[in-house]
Amino acid sequence: QNAGPPPLALSADLCDDPGNMAILLDSPAAEEILTSEQLNQ
């Protein structure tokens, strides 16, 4: 929560571009979340 700006601006059209997933995966903040041991990989 102290990691700075979000990797993606939240908007209702995020699903229009599958490339947005790559942006998330390249973000350190998102990578920390998506590789967390709390989540079923």
PDB file of all heavy atoms in Angstrom:
ATOM      1  N   GLN A   1       0.812  -1.199   0.000  1.00  0.00           N
ATOM      2  CA  GLN A   1       0.000   0.000   0.000  1.00  0.00           C
ATOM      3  C   GLN A   1       0.858   1.266   0.000  1.00  0.00           C
ATOM      4  O   GLN A   1       0.370   2.352  -0.283  1.00  0.00           O
ATOM      5  CB  GLN A   1      -0.959   0.025   1.202  1.00  0.00           C
ATOM      6  CG  GLN A   1      -0.280   0.092   2.562  1.00  0.00           C
ATOM      7  CD  GLN A   1      -0.246  -1.277   3.194  1.00  0.00           C
ATOM      8  OE1 GLN A   1      -0.068  -2.268   2.492  1.00  0.00           O
ATOM      9  NE2 GLN A   1      -0.425  -1.355   4.484  1.00  0.00           N
ATOM     10  N   ASN A   2       2.170   1.168   0.311  1.00  0.00           N
ATOM     11  CA  ASN A   2       3.067   2.317   0.287  1.00  0.00           C
ATOM     12  C   ASN A   2       3.986   2.283  -0.926  1.00  0.00           C
ATOM     13  O   ASN A   2       5.022   2.933  -0.957  1.00  0.00           O
ATOM     14  CB  ASN A   2       3.912   2.340   1.569  1.00  0.00           C
ATOM     15  CG  ASN A   2       3.055   2.486   2.816  1.00  0.00           C
ATOM     16  OD1 ASN A   2       2.111   3.255   2.824  1.00  0.00           O
ATOM     17  ND2 ASN A   2       3.392   1.743   3.870  1.00  0.00           N
ATOM     18  N   ALA A   3       3.634   1.502  -1.926  1.00  0.00           N
ATOM     19  CA  ALA A   3       4.547   1.241  -3.039  1.00  0.00           C
ATOM     20  C   ALA A   3       4.448   2.259  -4.159  1.00  0.00           C
ATOM     21  O   ALA A   3       5.054   2.069  -5.196  1.00  0.00           O
ATOM     22  CB  ALA A   3       4.281  -0.158  -3.597  1.00  0.00           C
ATOM     23  N   GLY A   4       3.693   3.339  -3.982  1.00  0.00           N
ATOM     24  CA  GLY A   4       3.634   4.359  -5.006  1.00  0.00           C
ATOM     25  C   GLY A   4       2.407   4.230  -5.875  1.00  0.00           C
ATOM     26  O   GLY A   4       1.417   3.613  -5.493  1.00  0.00           O
ATOM     27  N   PRO A   5       2.433   4.790  -7.084  1.00  0.00           N
ATOM     28  CA  PRO A   5       1.249   4.828  -7.942  1.00  0.00           C
ATOM     29  C   PRO A   5       0.857   3.435  -8.415  1.00  0.00           C
ATOM     30  O   PRO A   5       1.689   2.531  -8.497  1.00  0.00           O
ATOM     31  CB  PRO A   5       1.690   5.708  -9.112  1.00  0.00           C
ATOM     32  CG  PRO A   5       3.176   5.579  -9.148  1.00  0.00           C
ATOM     33  CD  PRO A   5       3.594   5.441  -7.714  1.00  0.00           C
ATOM     34  N   PRO A   6      -0.412   3.261  -8.752  1.00  0.00           N
ATOM     35  CA  PRO A   6      -0.863   1.951  -9.241  1.00  0.00           C
ATOM     36  C   PRO A   6      -0.293   1.662 -10.615  1.00  0.00           C
ATOM     37  O   PRO A   6      -0.009   2.575 -11.403  1.00  0.00           O
ATOM     38  CB  PRO A   6      -2.394   2.106  -9.296  1.00  0.00           C
ATOM     39  CG  PRO A   6      -2.608   3.572  -9.488  1.00  0.00           C
ATOM     40  CD  PRO A   6      -1.510   4.245  -8.708  1.00  0.00           C
ATOM     41  N   PRO A   7      -0.108   0.398 -10.967  1.00  0.00           N
ATOM     42  CA  PRO A   7       0.412   0.045 -12.298  1.00  0.00           C
ATOM     43  C   PRO A   7      -0.547   0.397 -13.411  1.00  0.00           C
ATOM     44  O   PRO A   7      -0.129   0.672 -14.539  1.00  0.00           O
ATOM     45  CB  PRO A   7       0.644  -1.460 -12.205  1.00  0.00           C
ATOM     46  CG  PRO A   7      -0.221  -1.920 -11.074  1.00  0.00           C
ATOM     47  CD  PRO A   7      -0.285  -0.778 -10.108  1.00  0.00           C
ATOM     48  N   LEU A   8      -1.852   0.373 -13.122  1.00  0.00           N
ATOM     49  CA  LEU A   8      -2.867   0.739 -14.105  1.00  0.00           C
ATOM     50  C   LEU A   8      -3.859   1.703 -13.466  1.00  0.00           C
ATOM     51  O   LEU A   8      -4.268   1.504 -12.312  1.00  0.00           O
ATOM     52  CB  LEU A   8      -3.643  -0.494 -14.575  1.00  0.00           C
ATOM     53  CG  LEU A   8      -3.029  -1.411 -15.634  1.00  0.00           C
ATOM     54  CD1 LEU A   8      -3.944  -2.614 -15.848  1.00  0.00           C
ATOM     55  CD2 LEU A   8      -2.816  -0.670 -16.943  1.00  0.00           C
ATOM     56  N   ALA A   9      -4.243   2.723 -14.216  1.00  0.00           N
ATOM     57  CA  ALA A   9      -5.330   3.578 -13.755  1.00  0.00           C
ATOM     58  C   ALA A   9      -6.623   2.767 -13.816  1.00  0.00           C
ATOM     59  O   ALA A   9      -6.911   2.091 -14.818  1.00  0.00           O
ATOM     60  CB  ALA A   9      -5.432   4.812 -14.637  1.00  0.00           C
ATOM     61  N   LEU A  10      -7.397   2.815 -12.755  1.00  0.00           N
ATOM     62  CA  LEU A  10      -8.626   2.040 -12.713  1.00  0.00           C
ATOM     63  C   LEU A  10      -9.689   2.712 -13.568  1.00  0.00           C
ATOM     64  O   LEU A  10      -9.982   3.895 -13.405  1.00  0.00           O
ATOM     65  CB  LEU A  10      -9.118   1.906 -11.266  1.00  0.00           C
ATOM     66  CG  LEU A  10      -8.151   1.254 -10.289  1.00  0.00           C
ATOM     67  CD1 LEU A  10      -8.822   1.070  -8.920  1.00  0.00           C
ATOM     68  CD2 LEU A  10      -7.648  -0.083 -10.805  1.00  0.00           C
ATOM     69  N   SER A  11     -10.262   1.934 -14.483  1.00  0.00           N
ATOM     70  CA  SER A  11     -11.306   2.462 -15.359  1.00  0.00           C
ATOM     71  C   SER A  11     -12.184   1.310 -15.816  1.00  0.00           C
ATOM     72  O   SER A  11     -11.813   0.128 -15.706  1.00  0.00           O
ATOM     73  CB  SER A  11     -10.704   3.174 -16.580  1.00  0.00           C
ATOM     74  OG  SER A  11     -10.051   2.248 -17.431  1.00  0.00           O
ATOM     75  N   ALA A  12     -13.334   1.641 -16.354  1.00  0.00           N
ATOM     76  CA  ALA A  12     -14.294   0.626 -16.774  1.00  0.00           C
ATOM     77  C   ALA A  12     -13.933  -0.019 -18.093  1.00  0.00           C
ATOM     78  O   ALA A  12     -14.600  -0.969 -18.514  1.00  0.00           O
ATOM     79  CB  ALA A  12     -15.687   1.247 -16.863  1.00  0.00           C
ATOM     80  N   ASP A  13     -12.889   0.469 -18.781  1.00  0.00           N
ATOM     81  CA  ASP A  13     -12.531  -0.107 -20.078  1.00  0.00           C
ATOM     82  C   ASP A  13     -11.256  -0.942 -20.025  1.00  0.00           C
ATOM     83  O   ASP A  13     -10.660  -1.241 -21.062  1.00  0.00           O
ATOM     84  CB  ASP A  13     -12.396   0.992 -21.133  1.00  0.00           C
ATOM     85  CG  ASP A  13     -11.318   2.010 -20.797  1.00  0.00           C
ATOM     86  OD1 ASP A  13     -10.665   1.871 -19.742  1.00  0.00           O
ATOM     87  OD2 ASP A  13     -11.145   2.960 -21.590  1.00  0.00           O
ATOM     88  N   LEU A  14     -10.814  -1.356 -18.832  1.00  0.00           N
ATOM     89  CA  LEU A  14      -9.595  -2.155 -18.720  1.00  0.00           C
ATOM     90  C   LEU A  14      -9.684  -3.455 -19.508  1.00  0.00           C
ATOM     91  O   LEU A  14      -8.681  -3.946 -20.034  1.00  0.00           O
ATOM     92  CB  LEU A  14      -9.298  -2.473 -17.253  1.00  0.00           C
ATOM     93  CG  LEU A  14      -8.813  -1.323 -16.373  1.00  0.00           C
ATOM     94  CD1 LEU A  14      -8.645  -1.800 -14.931  1.00  0.00           C
ATOM     95  CD2 LEU A  14      -7.507  -0.746 -16.901  1.00  0.00           C
ATOM     96  N   CYS A  15     -10.876  -4.027 -19.601  1.00  0.00           N
ATOM     97  CA  CYS A  15     -11.041  -5.315 -20.260  1.00  0.00           C
ATOM     98  C   CYS A  15     -11.006  -5.214 -21.781  1.00  0.00           C
ATOM     99  O   CYS A  15     -11.003  -6.242 -22.466  1.00  0.00           O
ATOM    100  CB  CYS A  15     -12.353  -5.963 -19.821  1.00  0.00           C
ATOM    101  SG  CYS A  15     -12.462  -6.282 -18.042  1.00  0.00           S
ATOM    102  N   ASP A  16     -10.988  -3.994 -22.307  1.00  0.00           N
ATOM    103  CA  ASP A  16     -10.976  -3.831 -23.766  1.00  0.00           C
ATOM    104  C   ASP A  16      -9.615  -4.158 -24.374  1.00  0.00           C
ATOM    105  O   ASP A  16      -9.514  -4.397 -25.578  1.00  0.00           O
ATOM    106  CB  ASP A  16     -11.356  -2.389 -24.141  1.00  0.00           C
ATOM    107  CG  ASP A  16     -12.792  -2.051 -23.767  1.00  0.00           C
ATOM    108  OD1 ASP A  16     -13.569  -2.996 -23.528  1.00  0.00           O
ATOM    109  OD2 ASP A  16     -13.125  -0.848 -23.713  1.00  0.00           O
ATOM    110  N   ASP A  17      -8.566  -4.133 -23.560  1.00  0.00           N
ATOM    111  CA  ASP A  17      -7.213  -4.319 -24.083  1.00  0.00           C
ATOM    112  C   ASP A  17      -6.508  -5.432 -23.307  1.00  0.00           C
ATOM    113  O   ASP A  17      -6.114  -5.239 -22.158  1.00  0.00           O
ATOM    114  CB  ASP A  17      -6.424  -3.015 -23.961  1.00  0.00           C
ATOM    115  CG  ASP A  17      -5.022  -3.114 -24.557  1.00  0.00           C
ATOM    116  OD1 ASP A  17      -4.668  -4.190 -25.071  1.00  0.00           O
ATOM    117  OD2 ASP A  17      -4.282  -2.112 -24.482  1.00  0.00           O
ATOM    118  N   PRO A  18      -6.326  -6.613 -23.904  1.00  0.00           N
ATOM    119  CA  PRO A  18      -5.631  -7.693 -23.197  1.00  0.00           C
ATOM    120  C   PRO A  18      -4.200  -7.331 -22.833  1.00  0.00           C
ATOM    121  O   PRO A  18      -3.612  -7.933 -21.925  1.00  0.00           O
ATOM    122  CB  PRO A  18      -5.675  -8.866 -24.182  1.00  0.00           C
ATOM    123  CG  PRO A  18      -5.958  -8.256 -25.517  1.00  0.00           C
ATOM    124  CD  PRO A  18      -6.754  -7.024 -25.255  1.00  0.00           C
ATOM    125  N   GLY A  19      -3.620  -6.333 -23.498  1.00  0.00           N
ATOM    126  CA  GLY A  19      -2.278  -5.897 -23.155  1.00  0.00           C
ATOM    127  C   GLY A  19      -2.176  -5.317 -21.754  1.00  0.00           C
ATOM    128  O   GLY A  19      -1.060  -5.211 -21.215  1.00  0.00           O
ATOM    129  N   ASN A  20      -3.310  -4.956 -21.167  1.00  0.00           N
ATOM    130  CA  ASN A  20      -3.276  -4.443 -19.801  1.00  0.00           C
ATOM    131  C   ASN A  20      -2.782  -5.490 -18.807  1.00  0.00           C
ATOM    132  O   ASN A  20      -2.227  -5.146 -17.769  1.00  0.00           O
ATOM    133  CB  ASN A  20      -4.658  -3.938 -19.376  1.00  0.00           C
ATOM    134  CG  ASN A  20      -5.003  -2.606 -20.015  1.00  0.00           C
ATOM    135  OD1 ASN A  20      -4.123  -1.770 -20.236  1.00  0.00           O
ATOM    136  ND2 ASN A  20      -6.275  -2.403 -20.313  1.00  0.00           N
ATOM    137  N   MET A  21      -2.974  -6.761 -19.139  1.00  0.00           N
ATOM    138  CA  MET A  21      -2.469  -7.801 -18.242  1.00  0.00           C
ATOM    139  C   MET A  21      -0.940  -7.791 -18.235  1.00  0.00           C
ATOM    140  O   MET A  21      -0.305  -7.970 -17.183  1.00  0.00           O
ATOM    141  CB  MET A  21      -2.990  -9.170 -18.654  1.00  0.00           C
ATOM    142  CG  MET A  21      -2.571 -10.296 -17.713  1.00  0.00           C
ATOM    143  SD  MET A  21      -3.209 -10.091 -16.009  1.00  0.00           S
ATOM    144  CE  MET A  21      -4.876 -10.743 -16.217  1.00  0.00           C
ATOM    145  N   ALA A  22      -0.331  -7.561 -19.388  1.00  0.00           N
ATOM    146  CA  ALA A  22       1.136  -7.495 -19.463  1.00  0.00           C
ATOM    147  C   ALA A  22       1.659  -6.319 -18.647  1.00  0.00           C
ATOM    148  O   ALA A  22       2.706  -6.422 -17.996  1.00  0.00           O
ATOM    149  CB  ALA A  22       1.576  -7.375 -20.916  1.00  0.00           C
ATOM    150  N   ILE A  23       0.935  -5.207 -18.666  1.00  0.00           N
ATOM    151  CA  ILE A  23       1.335  -4.044 -17.861  1.00  0.00           C
ATOM    152  C   ILE A  23       1.321  -4.407 -16.381  1.00  0.00           C
ATOM    153  O   ILE A  23       2.239  -4.066 -15.625  1.00  0.00           O
ATOM    154  CB  ILE A  23       0.406  -2.847 -18.138  1.00  0.00           C
ATOM    155  CG1 ILE A  23       0.579  -2.375 -19.581  1.00  0.00           C
ATOM    156  CG2 ILE A  23       0.682  -1.704 -17.164  1.00  0.00           C
ATOM    157  CD1 ILE A  23      -0.411  -1.303 -20.003  1.00  0.00           C
ATOM    158  N   LEU A  24       0.288  -5.117 -15.966  1.00  0.00           N
ATOM    159  CA  LEU A  24       0.220  -5.553 -14.566  1.00  0.00           C
ATOM    160  C   LEU A  24       1.378  -6.487 -14.225  1.00  0.00           C
ATOM    161  O   LEU A  24       2.021  -6.348 -13.187  1.00  0.00           O
ATOM    162  CB  LEU A  24      -1.115  -6.250 -14.300  1.00  0.00           C
ATOM    163  CG  LEU A  24      -2.346  -5.360 -14.147  1.00  0.00           C
ATOM    164  CD1 LEU A  24      -3.608  -6.208 -14.121  1.00  0.00           C
ATOM    165  CD2 LEU A  24      -2.253  -4.520 -12.881  1.00  0.00           C
ATOM    166  N   LEU A  25       1.629  -7.451 -15.110  1.00  0.00           N
ATOM    167  CA  LEU A  25       2.668  -8.444 -14.832  1.00  0.00           C
ATOM    168  C   LEU A  25       4.059  -7.829 -14.788  1.00  0.00           C
ATOM    169  O   LEU A  25       4.950  -8.345 -14.107  1.00  0.00           O
ATOM    170  CB  LEU A  25       2.626  -9.550 -15.885  1.00  0.00           C
ATOM    171  CG  LEU A  25       1.348 -10.402 -15.912  1.00  0.00           C
ATOM    172  CD1 LEU A  25       1.395 -11.379 -17.065  1.00  0.00           C
ATOM    173  CD2 LEU A  25       1.149 -11.135 -14.596  1.00  0.00           C
ATOM    174  N   ASP A  26       4.252  -6.721 -15.490  1.00  0.00           N
ATOM    175  CA  ASP A  26       5.550  -6.051 -15.501  1.00  0.00           C
ATOM    176  C   ASP A  26       5.724  -5.088 -14.336  1.00  0.00           C
ATOM    177  O   ASP A  26       6.816  -4.543 -14.144  1.00  0.00           O
ATOM    178  CB  ASP A  26       5.737  -5.272 -16.810  1.00  0.00           C
ATOM    179  CG  ASP A  26       5.968  -6.201 -18.000  1.00  0.00           C
ATOM    180  OD1 ASP A  26       6.340  -7.360 -17.769  1.00  0.00           O
ATOM    181  OD2 ASP A  26       5.756  -5.754 -19.145  1.00  0.00           O
ATOM    182  N   SER A  27       4.675  -4.886 -13.574  1.00  0.00           N
ATOM    183  CA  SER A  27       4.736  -3.931 -12.474  1.00  0.00           C
ATOM    184  C   SER A  27       5.245  -4.602 -11.208  1.00  0.00           C
ATOM    185  O   SER A  27       4.740  -5.665 -10.818  1.00  0.00           O
ATOM    186  CB  SER A  27       3.343  -3.360 -12.210  1.00  0.00           C
ATOM    187  OG  SER A  27       3.266  -2.770 -10.931  1.00  0.00           O
ATOM    188  N   PRO A  28       6.236  -4.022 -10.517  1.00  0.00           N
ATOM    189  CA  PRO A  28       6.709  -4.614  -9.248  1.00  0.00           C
ATOM    190  C   PRO A  28       5.600  -4.770  -8.225  1.00  0.00           C
ATOM    191  O   PRO A  28       5.539  -5.767  -7.515  1.00  0.00           O
ATOM    192  CB  PRO A  28       7.786  -3.626  -8.788  1.00  0.00           C
ATOM    193  CG  PRO A  28       8.258  -2.971 -10.037  1.00  0.00           C
ATOM    194  CD  PRO A  28       7.054  -2.858 -10.917  1.00  0.00           C
ATOM    195  N   ALA A  29       4.718  -3.769  -8.145  1.00  0.00           N
ATOM    196  CA  ALA A  29       3.639  -3.841  -7.155  1.00  0.00           C
ATOM    197  C   ALA A  29       2.699  -4.998  -7.454  1.00  0.00           C
ATOM    198  O   ALA A  29       2.313  -5.760  -6.557  1.00  0.00           O
ATOM    199  CB  ALA A  29       2.862  -2.523  -7.125  1.00  0.00           C
ATOM    200  N   ALA A  30       2.317  -5.133  -8.733  1.00  0.00           N
ATOM    201  CA  ALA A  30       1.423  -6.235  -9.095  1.00  0.00           C
ATOM    202  C   ALA A  30       2.124  -7.576  -8.971  1.00  0.00           C
ATOM    203  O   ALA A  30       1.515  -8.570  -8.550  1.00  0.00           O
ATOM    204  CB  ALA A  30       0.909  -6.039 -10.519  1.00  0.00           C
ATOM    205  N   GLU A  31       3.399  -7.632  -9.336  1.00  0.00           N
ATOM    206  CA  GLU A  31       4.140  -8.888  -9.232  1.00  0.00           C
ATOM    207  C   GLU A  31       4.175  -9.371  -7.790  1.00  0.00           C
ATOM    208  O   GLU A  31       4.048 -10.569  -7.509  1.00  0.00           O
ATOM    209  CB  GLU A  31       5.567  -8.699  -9.754  1.00  0.00           C
ATOM    210  CG  GLU A  31       6.380  -9.991  -9.714  1.00  0.00           C
ATOM    211  CD  GLU A  31       7.797  -9.789 -10.203  1.00  0.00           C
ATOM    212  OE1 GLU A  31       8.204  -8.628 -10.419  1.00  0.00           O
ATOM    213  OE2 GLU A  31       8.512 -10.797 -10.347  1.00  0.00           O
ATOM    214  N   GLU A  32       4.335  -8.430  -6.844  1.00  0.00           N
ATOM    215  CA  GLU A  32       4.340  -8.804  -5.436  1.00  0.00           C
ATOM    216  C   GLU A  32       3.026  -9.459  -5.031  1.00  0.00           C
ATOM    217  O   GLU A  32       3.000 -10.428  -4.282  1.00  0.00           O
ATOM    218  CB  GLU A  32       4.591  -7.569  -4.573  1.00  0.00           C
ATOM    219  CG  GLU A  32       4.600  -7.855  -3.071  1.00  0.00           C
ATOM    220  CD  GLU A  32       4.814  -6.606  -2.239  1.00  0.00           C
ATOM    221  OE1 GLU A  32       5.176  -5.553  -2.809  1.00  0.00           O
ATOM    222  OE2 GLU A  32       4.603  -6.674  -1.019  1.00  0.00           O
ATOM    223  N   ILE A  33       1.930  -8.905  -5.573  1.00  0.00           N
ATOM    224  CA  ILE A  33       0.618  -9.462  -5.263  1.00  0.00           C
ATOM    225  C   ILE A  33       0.421 -10.818  -5.944  1.00  0.00           C
ATOM    226  O   ILE A  33       0.053 -11.809  -5.311  1.00  0.00           O
ATOM    227  CB  ILE A  33      -0.492  -8.493  -5.708  1.00  0.00           C
ATOM    228  CG1 ILE A  33      -0.427  -7.189  -4.920  1.00  0.00           C
ATOM    229  CG2 ILE A  33      -1.875  -9.142  -5.537  1.00  0.00           C
ATOM    230  CD1 ILE A  33      -0.597  -7.344  -3.448  1.00  0.00           C
ATOM    231  N   LEU A  34       0.674 -10.875  -7.243  1.00  0.00           N
ATOM    232  CA  LEU A  34       0.324 -12.059  -8.023  1.00  0.00           C
ATOM    233  C   LEU A  34       1.222 -13.247  -7.739  1.00  0.00           C
ATOM    234  O   LEU A  34       0.859 -14.388  -8.050  1.00  0.00           O
ATOM    235  CB  LEU A  34       0.339 -11.719  -9.510  1.00  0.00           C
ATOM    236  CG  LEU A  34      -0.665 -10.632  -9.941  1.00  0.00           C
ATOM    237  CD1 LEU A  34      -0.603 -10.417 -11.445  1.00  0.00           C
ATOM    238  CD2 LEU A  34      -2.071 -10.986  -9.508  1.00  0.00           C
ATOM    239  N   THR A  35       2.404 -13.014  -7.175  1.00  0.00           N
ATOM    240  CA  THR A  35       3.284 -14.128  -6.811  1.00  0.00           C
ATOM    241  C   THR A  35       3.247 -14.404  -5.312  1.00  0.00           C
ATOM    242  O   THR A  35       4.022 -15.211  -4.811  1.00  0.00           O
ATOM    243  CB  THR A  35       4.739 -13.834  -7.234  1.00  0.00           C
ATOM    244  OG1 THR A  35       5.201 -12.649  -6.568  1.00  0.00           O
ATOM    245  CG2 THR A  35       4.835 -13.649  -8.735  1.00  0.00           C
ATOM    246  N   SER A  36       2.344 -13.756  -4.605  1.00  0.00           N
ATOM    247  CA  SER A  36       2.257 -13.928  -3.163  1.00  0.00           C
ATOM    248  C   SER A  36       1.918 -15.366  -2.798  1.00  0.00           C
ATOM    249  O   SER A  36       1.151 -16.046  -3.491  1.00  0.00           O
ATOM    250  CB  SER A  36       1.172 -12.995  -2.601  1.00  0.00           C
ATOM    251  OG  SER A  36       0.852 -13.329  -1.277  1.00  0.00           O
ATOM    252  N   GLU A  37       2.465 -15.833  -1.687  1.00  0.00           N
ATOM    253  CA  GLU A  37       2.139 -17.171  -1.203  1.00  0.00           C
ATOM    254  C   GLU A  37       0.681 -17.261  -0.752  1.00  0.00           C
ATOM    255  O   GLU A  37       0.149 -18.351  -0.562  1.00  0.00           O
ATOM    256  CB  GLU A  37       3.062 -17.545  -0.034  1.00  0.00           C
ATOM    257  CG  GLU A  37       4.516 -17.745  -0.448  1.00  0.00           C
ATOM    258  CD  GLU A  37       5.387 -18.169   0.716  1.00  0.00           C
ATOM    259  OE1 GLU A  37       4.856 -18.248   1.848  1.00  0.00           O
ATOM    260  OE2 GLU A  37       6.589 -18.406   0.499  1.00  0.00           O
ATOM    261  N   GLN A  38       0.042 -16.111  -0.556  1.00  0.00           N
ATOM    262  CA  GLN A  38      -1.362 -16.108  -0.158  1.00  0.00           C
ATOM    263  C   GLN A  38      -2.286 -16.523  -1.301  1.00  0.00           C
ATOM    264  O   GLN A  38      -3.438 -16.879  -1.063  1.00  0.00           O
ATOM    265  CB  GLN A  38      -1.767 -14.722   0.345  1.00  0.00           C
ATOM    266  CG  GLN A  38      -1.030 -14.272   1.593  1.00  0.00           C
ATOM    267  CD  GLN A  38      -1.497 -12.901   2.025  1.00  0.00           C
ATOM    268  OE1 GLN A  38      -2.677 -12.589   1.967  1.00  0.00           O
ATOM    269  NE2 GLN A  38      -0.572 -12.087   2.473  1.00  0.00           N
ATOM    270  N   LEU A  39      -1.793 -16.429  -2.528  1.00  0.00           N
ATOM    271  CA  LEU A  39      -2.626 -16.728  -3.691  1.00  0.00           C
ATOM    272  C   LEU A  39      -2.248 -18.070  -4.295  1.00  0.00           C
ATOM    273  O   LEU A  39      -1.078 -18.442  -4.346  1.00  0.00           O
ATOM    274  CB  LEU A  39      -2.483 -15.640  -4.755  1.00  0.00           C
ATOM    275  CG  LEU A  39      -2.905 -14.232  -4.365  1.00  0.00           C
ATOM    276  CD1 LEU A  39      -2.837 -13.308  -5.574  1.00  0.00           C
ATOM    277  CD2 LEU A  39      -4.305 -14.197  -3.767  1.00  0.00           C
ATOM    278  N   ASN A  40      -3.261 -18.778  -4.762  1.00  0.00           N
ATOM    279  CA  ASN A  40      -3.087 -20.044  -5.458  1.00  0.00           C
ATOM    280  C   ASN A  40      -2.556 -19.736  -6.856  1.00  0.00           C
ATOM    281  O   ASN A  40      -3.274 -19.210  -7.714  1.00  0.00           O
ATOM    282  CB  ASN A  40      -4.434 -20.762  -5.519  1.00  0.00           C
ATOM    283  CG  ASN A  40      -4.382 -22.068  -6.290  1.00  0.00           C
ATOM    284  OD1 ASN A  40      -3.425 -22.357  -7.012  1.00  0.00           O
ATOM    285  ND2 ASN A  40      -5.433 -22.856  -6.158  1.00  0.00           N
ATOM    286  N   GLN A  41      -1.289 -20.079  -7.091  1.00  0.00           N
ATOM    287  CA  GLN A  41      -0.654 -19.693  -8.340  1.00  0.00           C
ATOM    288  C   GLN A  41      -1.278 -20.387  -9.555  1.00  0.00           C
ATOM    289  O   GLN A  41      -1.273 -19.841 -10.657  1.00  0.00           O
ATOM    290  CB  GLN A  41       0.855 -19.973  -8.274  1.00  0.00           C
ATOM    291  CG  GLN A  41       1.585 -19.060  -7.306  1.00  0.00           C
ATOM    292  CD  GLN A  41       1.368 -17.589  -7.640  1.00  0.00           C
ATOM    293  OE1 GLN A  41       1.591 -17.173  -8.774  1.00  0.00           O
ATOM    294  NE2 GLN A  41       0.921 -16.812  -6.656  1.00  0.00           N
TER     295      GLN A  41
END
